[in-house]
Amino acid sequence: MPLPSSLTAVPEVTPTALSSSSSASASSSSSSVSSARARPPASPRLQHFRRHRRAWLITAAATVFALLATGAVVGGAATGAGLAGFGEPGAASVVAAPTATATPTPTVTVDPDRPVPAAATTASRLRTCSVAGLAADGRLANFQGQVRNSATGEVLFDRGGTTPGATASVMKVLTSAAALSVLGPDYRATTTVMVGTEPGQVVLVGGGDLTLTRLPTGQESFYSGAAHLDTLASATLAAWNADPARAGTPITSIVLDSTLFDGPGWDDGWARSELALGYMPEITALQVDGDRDNPARSTSPRSEDPIGRAGQAFSDALSAAGAGSALTITRAAAPAGAAPLASAESQPVSTLIQQSLIVSDNTIAEMLARLVAVQSGSGNTFAALQSGIVGGLEPYGIDTTGLVIADGSGLSPANAVPPAYLTQLFQQIDSRAGHLGVIFDGLPVAGGPSGSLSYSDRFAGDNGVADGAVFAKTGWITTGYTLAGIVHAADGTPLTFAVYALGDVSDNAKQAIDTITAGFYRCGDNLSNN
């Protein structure tokens, strides 16, 4: 009988393999015939096996195959297993079992864990509006820039945004933010007149108000709302005469105290030509009109001695108010414990910031920076501005690493701020966090009625598409042009941005900056970093 094709045929087994004890004597029928002794008659079971030998062998083979397949043949059982169906103890196993050997314990190899990010990566949309060509404009020289979605903080565009660079007058934004933090929006710088140590002597103590004006009351200086020196003189004379102990003693001398700020008054990084051109005065705690020759003009030549100019103006005002003429003027610190006679206060910091930002006034910016340093305990010199202003920025929670503060106005090329710092600070300005709405309200507006972005060469032509939508601080020094602020984009997305064109630049860098900023406006949240 043939086997099923799925099985492997087992070789035919002779009857001797099934003998209980004498396999050798039953090896062949011929040897049995020639034997000297007749065999006993075969048992009925053996006779049955011989008659149906082939059927038995097939059955045995199939049985062995089945046992092997099911694991019923136990390794090492050489005797006593018994062939199923035969019931004969002591019969040899049909299939010799392999010698049992110890199975080696496998070495478990653990695959290294795949790296898993600490947090799931947030999918970002595919943005398709590119300004790469505008960023490559040669007029921008060494270009740096960054743009963020102000609402989400996502960086949409970045070219060297984390590298500190010269800010130019954009530095005024940092100075203003520090002033709001350290001084507060309501702080006023106070100029005081005290009683001197000599008979007939008064001391004019500068409190850091560089906007105090010598113009007569009723006339506005460039700094609208500034305190008037003639009002201070009149109040001084009235208080002097009101004390019976001084009755009949005229004011004959004035001492000028400007010790609140220490020298030098001019930063090494400033071109001295800025003084004569009218962009910057010497920084002293006592002066009038930002030391301008013409108190009503933004740009007007400054003197070499702002303290002396202020002293003479006060002497003239006292004489006009009824004091004697030809008052002597000296310089010294006010005596400890001197009695005050009168005082005059500047506009609050909130107003001063807006006056500084709108036209990029250097004088107020340096005034605020020095007051921040003094009030914070950092010192009263240019060297104190680094710790004073950086310390004043810390409450905003933005990493100040890499900030270099050489002055408060940005005129020094030594200032260094990453564009990324500005885009983050402008996020808080845009949301009017704390008192920072003061800065937003003071920013020039593209196409606005006044300020440094209202000039005919800014956001002209096709760039006028962004008029009314760009609120930003301008900056210019001989080695660069900058612009940083907020854009209300065409698609309604609020953006914060900062762009620097540094190096070998000319005046046309302003137009290139305006063009890429108008590109930010057009792209909105679809702005691509490619």
Protein backbone atom coordinates (compact mmCIF):
# COMPACT_ATOMS: atom_id res chain seq x y z
CA MET A 1 0.00 0.00 0.00
CA PRO A 2 1.59 3.27 -1.00
CA LEU A 3 2.05 6.09 1.63
CA PRO A 4 0.41 9.44 1.33
CA SER A 5 2.59 11.85 -0.54
CA SER A 6 2.86 14.16 2.50
CA LEU A 7 4.71 11.57 4.45
CA THR A 8 8.23 10.19 4.05
CA ALA A 9 8.47 6.44 3.44
CA VAL A 10 10.10 4.40 6.18
CA PRO A 11 12.48 1.54 4.97
CA GLU A 12 11.01 -1.98 5.20
CA VAL A 13 11.83 -3.68 8.52
CA THR A 14 12.54 -7.50 8.67
CA PRO A 15 10.76 -9.74 11.19
CA THR A 16 13.99 -10.22 13.09
CA ALA A 17 13.73 -6.65 14.23
CA LEU A 18 10.61 -7.62 16.15
CA SER A 19 12.04 -10.82 17.82
CA SER A 20 11.83 -10.81 21.61
CA SER A 21 15.29 -12.27 22.33
CA SER A 22 17.06 -14.18 19.41
CA SER A 23 17.18 -11.83 16.45
CA ALA A 24 20.20 -13.69 15.06
CA SER A 25 18.52 -17.19 14.85
CA ALA A 26 15.58 -15.73 12.94
CA SER A 27 17.64 -13.84 10.38
CA SER A 28 16.65 -16.14 7.46
CA SER A 29 14.44 -19.16 6.70
CA SER A 30 17.32 -21.23 5.16
CA SER A 31 19.31 -21.36 8.36
CA SER A 32 16.21 -22.65 10.17
CA VAL A 33 15.80 -25.66 7.79
CA SER A 34 19.37 -26.88 8.19
CA SER A 35 19.23 -26.73 11.93
CA ALA A 36 19.94 -30.00 13.80
CA ARG A 37 17.12 -29.33 16.15
CA ALA A 38 13.53 -28.63 15.00
CA ARG A 39 11.97 -25.35 16.13
CA PRO A 40 8.87 -25.31 18.23
CA PRO A 41 5.72 -24.34 16.35
CA ALA A 42 5.27 -20.56 15.95
CA SER A 43 2.78 -18.81 18.13
CA PRO A 44 -0.52 -17.88 16.53
CA ARG A 45 0.40 -14.18 16.74
CA LEU A 46 3.69 -14.77 14.92
CA GLN A 47 1.96 -16.88 12.32
CA HIS A 48 -0.52 -14.09 11.75
CA PHE A 49 2.36 -11.62 11.38
CA ARG A 50 4.09 -13.81 8.82
CA ARG A 51 0.95 -14.19 6.73
CA HIS A 52 0.26 -10.44 6.77
CA ARG A 53 3.85 -9.23 6.94
CA ARG A 54 3.53 -6.28 4.54
CA ALA A 55 0.41 -4.90 6.16
CA TRP A 56 1.98 -5.09 9.60
CA LEU A 57 5.10 -3.29 8.42
CA ILE A 58 3.13 -0.47 6.84
CA THR A 59 1.07 -0.13 10.01
CA ALA A 60 4.21 -0.06 12.15
CA ALA A 61 5.87 2.53 9.97
CA ALA A 62 2.84 4.76 10.05
CA THR A 63 2.65 4.44 13.81
CA VAL A 64 6.31 5.34 14.28
CA PHE A 65 5.91 8.34 11.99
CA ALA A 66 2.94 9.52 13.98
CA LEU A 67 4.76 9.14 17.26
CA LEU A 68 7.76 11.06 15.98
CA ALA A 69 5.54 13.81 14.67
CA THR A 70 3.75 14.24 17.98
CA GLY A 71 6.85 13.97 20.14
CA ALA A 72 5.70 10.65 21.66
CA VAL A 73 9.04 8.93 21.09
CA VAL A 74 11.09 9.92 24.13
CA GLY A 75 14.81 10.37 23.50
CA GLY A 76 17.01 7.85 25.23
CA ALA A 77 14.33 5.11 25.76
CA ALA A 78 16.33 2.18 24.34
CA THR A 79 14.30 -0.65 25.96
CA GLY A 80 11.01 -1.26 27.65
CA ALA A 81 9.14 1.25 25.52
CA GLY A 82 7.09 -1.39 23.73
CA LEU A 83 5.76 -0.98 20.22
CA ALA A 84 2.22 0.23 20.32
CA GLY A 85 -0.21 -2.58 19.43
CA PHE A 86 2.27 -5.39 20.18
CA GLY A 87 2.19 -5.31 23.99
CA GLU A 88 5.51 -7.10 24.24
CA PRO A 89 7.72 -5.94 27.07
CA GLY A 90 11.39 -6.03 26.28
CA ALA A 91 10.92 -5.51 22.50
CA ALA A 92 13.52 -3.22 20.96
CA SER A 93 12.44 0.23 19.72
CA VAL A 94 11.76 0.42 16.00
CA VAL A 95 13.60 3.74 15.68
CA ALA A 96 16.81 4.22 17.63
CA ALA A 97 16.50 7.28 19.82
CA PRO A 98 19.30 9.84 19.63
CA THR A 99 21.58 10.23 22.59
CA ALA A 100 20.29 12.99 24.83
CA THR A 101 22.52 16.06 24.94
CA ALA A 102 22.25 19.22 26.98
CA THR A 103 20.61 22.01 25.04
CA PRO A 104 22.78 25.14 25.25
CA THR A 105 21.11 28.17 26.81
CA PRO A 106 20.75 30.77 24.10
CA THR A 107 22.34 34.19 24.68
CA VAL A 108 19.64 36.79 24.69
CA THR A 109 20.59 39.79 22.56
CA VAL A 110 18.69 42.94 23.40
CA ASP A 111 18.33 45.37 20.55
CA PRO A 112 19.31 48.88 21.59
CA ASP A 113 16.38 51.16 22.17
CA ARG A 114 15.59 53.44 19.33
CA PRO A 115 16.08 57.11 20.24
CA VAL A 116 12.79 58.64 21.27
CA PRO A 117 12.32 62.44 21.38
CA ALA A 118 11.57 63.87 24.80
CA ALA A 119 8.43 65.44 23.40
CA ALA A 120 6.40 64.77 20.35
CA THR A 121 7.30 66.97 17.42
CA THR A 122 4.52 69.33 16.53
CA ALA A 123 3.68 69.32 12.88
CA SER A 124 4.02 72.66 11.15
CA ARG A 125 2.28 73.80 8.06
CA LEU A 126 4.00 74.04 4.72
CA ARG A 127 4.54 77.70 3.97
CA THR A 128 5.12 78.86 0.42
CA CYS A 129 5.62 82.63 0.46
CA SER A 130 9.36 83.26 0.15
CA VAL A 131 11.34 86.47 0.61
CA ALA A 132 14.67 84.76 -0.04
CA GLY A 133 15.28 86.89 -3.12
CA LEU A 134 14.65 90.08 -1.18
CA ALA A 135 17.01 88.94 1.60
CA ALA A 136 19.74 88.47 -1.01
CA ASP A 137 19.55 92.12 -2.10
CA GLY A 138 23.13 93.42 -2.18
CA ARG A 139 22.05 96.73 -0.66
CA LEU A 140 21.52 94.85 2.63
CA ALA A 141 25.24 93.96 2.80
CA ASN A 142 25.67 91.61 5.77
CA PHE A 143 22.03 90.82 6.36
CA GLN A 144 20.56 89.47 9.57
CA GLY A 145 16.90 89.06 10.33
CA GLN A 146 14.16 87.16 12.05
CA VAL A 147 10.36 87.12 11.88
CA ARG A 148 7.96 85.51 14.35
CA ASN A 149 4.27 84.95 14.45
CA SER A 150 3.54 87.23 17.39
CA ALA A 151 0.52 85.23 18.52
CA THR A 152 2.21 81.81 18.57
CA GLY A 153 5.90 82.68 18.90
CA GLU A 154 6.76 80.46 15.93
CA VAL A 155 9.83 81.59 14.00
CA LEU A 156 8.78 81.94 10.36
CA PHE A 157 11.98 83.37 8.90
CA ASP A 158 15.55 83.44 10.18
CA ARG A 159 18.87 84.61 8.80
CA GLY A 160 21.46 84.82 11.56
CA GLY A 161 18.77 85.68 14.04
CA THR A 162 20.65 84.41 17.09
CA THR A 163 23.88 86.24 16.28
CA PRO A 164 24.36 89.55 18.17
CA GLY A 165 24.74 92.53 15.87
CA ALA A 166 24.89 96.31 16.05
CA THR A 167 21.41 97.66 16.66
CA ALA A 168 21.87 101.35 15.87
CA SER A 169 18.91 103.30 17.29
CA VAL A 170 16.80 100.18 17.77
CA MET A 171 18.73 100.08 21.05
CA LYS A 172 16.30 102.73 22.28
CA VAL A 173 13.63 100.01 22.53
CA LEU A 174 15.74 98.06 25.01
CA THR A 175 16.54 101.21 26.97
CA SER A 176 12.85 102.08 27.12
CA ALA A 177 11.87 98.57 28.26
CA ALA A 178 14.50 98.70 31.02
CA ALA A 179 13.29 102.16 32.11
CA LEU A 180 9.71 100.91 32.40
CA SER A 181 10.93 98.01 34.51
CA VAL A 182 13.34 99.87 36.80
CA LEU A 183 11.90 103.39 36.95
CA GLY A 184 8.28 102.75 36.11
CA PRO A 185 6.09 104.73 33.72
CA ASP A 186 5.33 107.48 36.26
CA TYR A 187 8.88 108.27 37.35
CA ARG A 188 9.95 111.90 36.89
CA ALA A 189 13.47 113.26 37.00
CA THR A 190 13.65 116.15 39.45
CA THR A 191 15.85 119.24 39.39
CA THR A 192 16.18 120.76 42.86
CA VAL A 193 17.38 124.05 44.32
CA MET A 194 18.82 123.93 47.84
CA VAL A 195 20.20 126.38 50.35
CA GLY A 196 23.99 126.67 50.12
CA THR A 197 26.52 126.85 52.92
CA GLU A 198 27.37 130.51 52.34
CA PRO A 199 25.10 133.51 52.92
CA GLY A 200 23.16 134.35 49.75
CA GLN A 201 24.07 131.00 48.17
CA VAL A 202 21.80 128.48 46.44
CA VAL A 203 22.70 125.12 44.90
CA LEU A 204 21.16 123.96 41.60
CA VAL A 205 21.17 120.15 41.73
CA GLY A 206 20.75 118.30 38.49
CA GLY A 207 18.45 115.29 38.77
CA GLY A 208 19.14 113.95 35.31
CA ASP A 209 16.41 115.89 33.51
CA LEU A 210 18.06 116.77 30.21
CA THR A 211 14.74 118.15 28.86
CA LEU A 212 14.49 121.08 31.32
CA THR A 213 14.08 124.14 29.10
CA ARG A 214 15.43 127.67 29.33
CA LEU A 215 12.64 128.99 27.12
CA PRO A 216 10.24 131.25 29.00
CA THR A 217 7.00 129.77 30.27
CA GLY A 218 4.44 129.84 27.47
CA GLN A 219 6.93 128.77 24.81
CA GLU A 220 7.38 125.08 24.05
CA SER A 221 10.77 123.62 23.44
CA PHE A 222 11.41 120.61 21.22
CA TYR A 223 10.39 118.56 24.27
CA SER A 224 6.75 119.49 24.58
CA GLY A 225 5.62 119.75 28.18
CA ALA A 226 9.12 120.08 29.60
CA ALA A 227 9.63 121.91 32.88
CA HIS A 228 10.69 125.54 32.58
CA LEU A 229 13.74 126.96 34.26
CA ASP A 230 12.12 130.36 34.81
CA THR A 231 9.33 128.72 36.82
CA LEU A 232 11.93 127.03 38.98
CA ALA A 233 13.76 130.34 39.48
CA SER A 234 10.60 132.16 40.54
CA ALA A 235 9.71 129.40 43.04
CA THR A 236 13.25 129.50 44.39
CA LEU A 237 13.19 133.24 45.01
CA ALA A 238 9.77 133.07 46.63
CA ALA A 239 10.87 130.32 49.04
CA TRP A 240 14.10 132.20 49.80
CA ASN A 241 12.27 135.38 50.76
CA ALA A 242 9.61 133.52 52.75
CA ASP A 243 12.11 132.55 55.46
CA PRO A 244 12.51 135.35 58.05
CA ALA A 245 16.06 134.18 58.74
CA ARG A 246 17.02 135.25 55.24
CA ALA A 247 14.93 138.40 55.09
CA GLY A 248 16.87 141.16 53.42
CA THR A 249 19.68 138.82 52.27
CA PRO A 250 19.77 138.64 48.49
CA ILE A 251 20.84 135.61 46.45
CA THR A 252 24.35 136.33 45.28
CA SER A 253 25.82 133.02 44.18
CA ILE A 254 24.89 129.74 42.58
CA VAL A 255 26.60 126.36 42.99
CA LEU A 256 26.04 123.82 40.22
CA ASP A 257 25.81 120.17 41.30
CA SER A 258 25.86 117.60 38.48
CA THR A 259 27.27 114.71 40.49
CA LEU A 260 24.31 112.38 39.92
CA PHE A 261 26.09 111.32 36.69
CA ASP A 262 29.80 110.80 36.57
CA GLY A 263 32.07 111.33 33.57
CA PRO A 264 33.11 111.01 30.94
CA GLY A 265 30.12 112.55 29.25
CA TRP A 266 31.06 111.27 25.81
CA ASP A 267 31.31 107.62 24.81
CA ASP A 268 34.45 106.45 23.02
CA GLY A 269 32.34 104.88 20.28
CA TRP A 270 30.66 108.12 19.29
CA ALA A 271 32.01 110.24 16.49
CA ARG A 272 32.75 113.65 17.94
CA SER A 273 31.18 115.21 14.86
CA GLU A 274 27.77 114.23 16.28
CA LEU A 275 28.11 117.06 18.75
CA ALA A 276 28.46 119.81 16.15
CA LEU A 277 25.94 118.16 13.84
CA GLY A 278 23.43 118.36 16.63
CA TYR A 279 22.60 114.68 17.21
CA MET A 280 24.08 114.17 20.68
CA PRO A 281 25.08 116.26 23.72
CA GLU A 282 27.59 115.51 26.41
CA ILE A 283 25.72 113.42 29.00
CA THR A 284 25.50 115.34 32.27
CA ALA A 285 22.94 115.27 35.07
CA LEU A 286 22.42 119.02 34.76
CA GLN A 287 21.62 120.65 31.42
CA VAL A 288 18.83 122.42 29.58
CA ASP A 289 17.16 121.62 26.25
CA GLY A 290 19.47 118.68 25.64
CA ASP A 291 22.14 121.39 25.35
CA ARG A 292 20.83 122.58 21.97
CA ASP A 293 21.72 125.94 20.57
CA ASN A 294 18.12 126.18 19.40
CA PRO A 295 15.79 124.67 22.04
CA ALA A 296 12.95 124.25 19.55
CA ARG A 297 14.79 122.13 16.96
CA SER A 298 15.40 118.39 17.00
CA THR A 299 18.79 118.67 15.36
CA SER A 300 20.79 121.61 16.63
CA PRO A 301 24.49 121.99 17.49
CA ARG A 302 25.43 121.20 21.08
CA SER A 303 28.02 122.93 23.25
CA GLU A 304 31.21 121.72 24.87
CA ASP A 305 29.88 122.65 28.34
CA PRO A 306 26.23 121.78 28.99
CA ILE A 307 26.58 122.31 32.76
CA GLY A 308 27.86 125.84 32.28
CA ARG A 309 25.06 126.62 29.82
CA ALA A 310 22.46 125.44 32.34
CA GLY A 311 24.04 127.47 35.17
CA GLN A 312 24.04 130.65 33.15
CA ALA A 313 20.43 130.12 32.10
CA PHE A 314 19.40 129.70 35.75
CA SER A 315 21.29 132.81 36.77
CA ASP A 316 19.51 134.78 34.07
CA ALA A 317 16.15 133.42 35.20
CA LEU A 318 16.82 134.34 38.85
CA SER A 319 17.79 137.86 37.86
CA ALA A 320 14.65 138.17 35.76
CA ALA A 321 12.59 136.99 38.74
CA GLY A 322 13.98 139.77 40.99
CA ALA A 323 17.27 138.47 42.37
CA GLY A 324 20.42 140.50 42.03
CA SER A 325 22.44 140.59 38.85
CA ALA A 326 25.93 139.34 38.21
CA LEU A 327 25.55 136.23 40.34
CA THR A 328 28.70 134.19 40.80
CA ILE A 329 28.61 130.59 39.57
CA THR A 330 30.72 127.72 40.90
CA ARG A 331 30.55 123.93 40.81
CA ALA A 332 30.42 121.52 43.74
CA ALA A 333 28.29 118.89 45.36
CA ALA A 334 25.39 120.08 47.48
CA PRO A 335 26.11 120.01 51.22
CA ALA A 336 24.73 117.05 53.09
CA GLY A 337 21.38 117.80 54.68
CA ALA A 338 20.88 121.03 52.73
CA ALA A 339 17.36 122.42 52.91
CA PRO A 340 15.38 122.35 49.65
CA LEU A 341 13.88 125.56 48.30
CA ALA A 342 12.12 124.49 45.08
CA SER A 343 12.05 121.76 42.47
CA ALA A 344 10.95 121.08 38.91
CA GLU A 345 9.94 117.72 37.50
CA SER A 346 10.33 116.27 34.03
CA GLN A 347 7.56 114.65 32.09
CA PRO A 348 6.88 111.06 33.25
CA VAL A 349 8.94 108.23 31.81
CA SER A 350 5.98 107.09 29.71
CA THR A 351 5.96 110.44 27.89
CA LEU A 352 9.74 110.65 27.61
CA ILE A 353 9.86 107.22 25.97
CA GLN A 354 7.39 108.22 23.31
CA GLN A 355 9.23 111.48 22.65
CA SER A 356 12.46 109.54 22.28
CA LEU A 357 11.17 106.77 20.00
CA ILE A 358 9.08 108.73 17.54
CA VAL A 359 12.00 110.78 16.20
CA SER A 360 14.85 108.67 17.61
CA ASP A 361 16.01 111.31 20.09
CA ASN A 362 19.41 110.36 21.49
CA THR A 363 19.33 112.76 24.42
CA ILE A 364 16.31 111.27 26.19
CA ALA A 365 17.55 107.75 25.51
CA GLU A 366 20.86 108.46 27.24
CA MET A 367 19.06 110.24 30.06
CA LEU A 368 16.85 107.20 30.69
CA ALA A 369 19.73 104.75 30.41
CA ARG A 370 21.80 106.60 32.99
CA LEU A 371 18.84 106.95 35.36
CA VAL A 372 18.23 103.19 35.08
CA ALA A 373 21.85 102.51 36.02
CA VAL A 374 21.69 104.89 38.98
CA GLN A 375 18.32 103.70 40.25
CA SER A 376 19.30 100.03 39.98
CA GLY A 377 22.50 100.63 41.92
CA SER A 378 24.73 99.67 39.00
CA GLY A 379 26.58 103.00 38.94
CA ASN A 380 26.42 106.36 37.20
CA THR A 381 28.78 106.01 34.23
CA PHE A 382 28.67 104.49 30.76
CA ALA A 383 30.33 101.39 32.20
CA ALA A 384 27.30 100.84 34.46
CA LEU A 385 24.84 100.61 31.57
CA GLN A 386 25.63 96.96 30.80
CA SER A 387 24.48 95.69 34.18
CA GLY A 388 21.85 98.38 34.63
CA ILE A 389 19.97 97.85 31.40
CA VAL A 390 20.45 94.08 31.21
CA GLY A 391 19.23 93.83 34.79
CA GLY A 392 16.24 95.97 33.89
CA LEU A 393 15.38 93.62 31.03
CA GLU A 394 15.50 90.44 33.10
CA PRO A 395 11.88 90.68 34.38
CA TYR A 396 10.67 90.13 30.82
CA GLY A 397 11.98 86.57 30.95
CA ILE A 398 13.92 86.62 27.68
CA ASP A 399 17.44 85.19 27.59
CA THR A 400 19.85 88.14 27.69
CA THR A 401 22.90 86.07 26.75
CA GLY A 402 25.03 87.92 24.21
CA LEU A 403 23.62 91.39 24.87
CA VAL A 404 26.29 94.08 24.81
CA ILE A 405 25.14 97.50 26.02
CA ALA A 406 27.60 100.31 25.37
CA ASP A 407 25.10 103.19 25.47
CA GLY A 408 21.39 103.84 25.69
CA SER A 409 20.81 105.45 22.30
CA GLY A 410 22.44 102.95 19.93
CA LEU A 411 24.88 105.45 18.50
CA SER A 412 27.82 103.25 19.49
CA PRO A 413 28.77 100.47 17.04
CA ALA A 414 29.83 98.40 20.06
CA ASN A 415 26.22 97.58 20.98
CA ALA A 416 25.25 94.01 20.10
CA VAL A 417 21.82 92.41 20.28
CA PRO A 418 20.56 89.31 18.42
CA PRO A 419 17.51 89.94 16.20
CA ALA A 420 15.92 87.01 18.05
CA TYR A 421 15.95 89.00 21.28
CA LEU A 422 14.09 91.85 19.63
CA THR A 423 11.43 89.63 18.03
CA GLN A 424 10.68 88.15 21.44
CA LEU A 425 10.62 91.51 23.19
CA PHE A 426 8.30 92.89 20.52
CA GLN A 427 5.94 89.99 21.16
CA GLN A 428 5.43 91.35 24.65
CA ILE A 429 5.22 94.91 23.34
CA ASP A 430 2.57 93.80 20.85
CA SER A 431 0.54 92.18 23.63
CA ARG A 432 1.09 95.27 25.81
CA ALA A 433 2.46 93.13 28.63
CA GLY A 434 3.10 95.06 31.83
CA HIS A 435 3.80 98.67 30.87
CA LEU A 436 5.23 97.80 27.44
CA GLY A 437 2.22 99.23 25.64
CA VAL A 438 3.96 102.58 26.22
CA ILE A 439 6.61 101.50 23.70
CA PHE A 440 4.04 100.39 21.14
CA ASP A 441 2.34 103.78 21.36
CA GLY A 442 5.63 105.56 20.72
CA LEU A 443 6.74 103.58 17.66
CA PRO A 444 6.92 105.31 14.28
CA VAL A 445 4.30 104.07 11.79
CA ALA A 446 4.94 103.50 8.10
CA GLY A 447 3.16 106.28 6.21
CA GLY A 448 2.19 107.90 9.51
CA PRO A 449 1.75 111.61 10.11
CA SER A 450 5.02 111.99 12.02
CA GLY A 451 8.12 110.15 13.08
CA SER A 452 11.07 108.52 11.37
CA LEU A 453 8.89 106.30 9.14
CA SER A 454 6.84 109.20 7.83
CA TYR A 455 9.67 110.60 5.70
CA SER A 456 9.29 110.57 1.93
CA ASP A 457 12.07 108.01 1.42
CA ARG A 458 10.48 105.37 3.68
CA PHE A 459 7.93 102.82 2.43
CA ALA A 460 7.63 104.62 -0.89
CA GLY A 461 6.34 103.19 -4.18
CA ASP A 462 5.24 99.54 -4.04
CA ASN A 463 6.35 99.36 -0.42
CA GLY A 464 3.51 101.72 0.44
CA VAL A 465 1.29 98.63 0.52
CA ALA A 466 2.39 98.28 4.16
CA ASP A 467 1.54 101.87 5.14
CA GLY A 468 -0.30 101.92 8.44
CA ALA A 469 0.62 98.30 9.14
CA VAL A 470 4.29 98.58 10.19
CA PHE A 471 5.05 99.88 13.69
CA ALA A 472 8.80 99.92 14.07
CA LYS A 473 11.92 101.60 15.39
CA THR A 474 14.43 102.78 12.83
CA GLY A 475 18.18 102.75 13.25
CA TRP A 476 21.18 104.20 11.46
CA ILE A 477 24.89 104.45 12.16
CA THR A 478 27.74 104.67 9.67
CA THR A 479 28.14 100.88 9.68
CA GLY A 480 24.54 99.83 9.38
CA TYR A 481 20.82 100.38 9.04
CA THR A 482 18.23 98.57 11.15
CA LEU A 483 14.49 98.28 11.57
CA ALA A 484 12.57 96.29 14.18
CA GLY A 485 9.00 96.16 15.35
CA ILE A 486 5.56 94.80 14.56
CA VAL A 487 3.72 94.13 11.30
CA HIS A 488 -0.02 93.66 11.07
CA ALA A 489 0.14 91.48 7.96
CA ALA A 490 -2.28 91.44 5.06
CA ASP A 491 -3.79 88.13 6.21
CA GLY A 492 -4.37 89.53 9.70
CA THR A 493 -1.41 87.79 11.32
CA PRO A 494 0.58 89.88 13.81
CA LEU A 495 4.29 89.51 13.11
CA THR A 496 7.32 90.71 15.02
CA PHE A 497 10.52 91.30 13.10
CA ALA A 498 14.05 92.65 13.27
CA VAL A 499 16.31 93.24 10.27
CA TYR A 500 19.88 94.48 10.17
CA ALA A 501 21.86 95.64 7.12
CA LEU A 502 25.40 95.86 8.45
CA GLY A 503 28.81 96.54 7.00
CA ASP A 504 29.52 98.53 3.86
CA VAL A 505 26.10 100.10 3.40
CA SER A 506 24.77 103.27 1.88
CA ASP A 507 21.55 105.22 2.24
CA ASN A 508 19.70 102.93 -0.18
CA ALA A 509 19.84 100.15 2.44
CA LYS A 510 16.75 101.80 3.92
CA GLN A 511 14.74 101.06 0.79
CA ALA A 512 15.93 97.44 0.73
CA ILE A 513 14.88 97.08 4.36
CA ASP A 514 11.48 98.57 3.59
CA THR A 515 11.07 96.19 0.64
CA ILE A 516 11.70 93.03 2.64
CA THR A 517 9.47 94.34 5.43
CA ALA A 518 6.69 94.90 2.89
CA GLY A 519 7.36 91.29 1.83
CA PHE A 520 6.70 90.16 5.41
CA TYR A 521 3.46 92.12 5.28
CA ARG A 522 2.33 90.43 2.06
CA CYS A 523 3.27 86.91 3.21
CA GLY A 524 1.83 87.00 6.69
CA ASP A 525 1.64 83.56 8.29
CA ASN A 526 2.47 81.96 4.93
CA LEU A 527 6.01 83.37 5.17
CA SER A 528 8.52 80.65 4.32
CA ASN A 529 12.02 80.28 5.70
CA ASN A 530 13.20 78.88 2.35
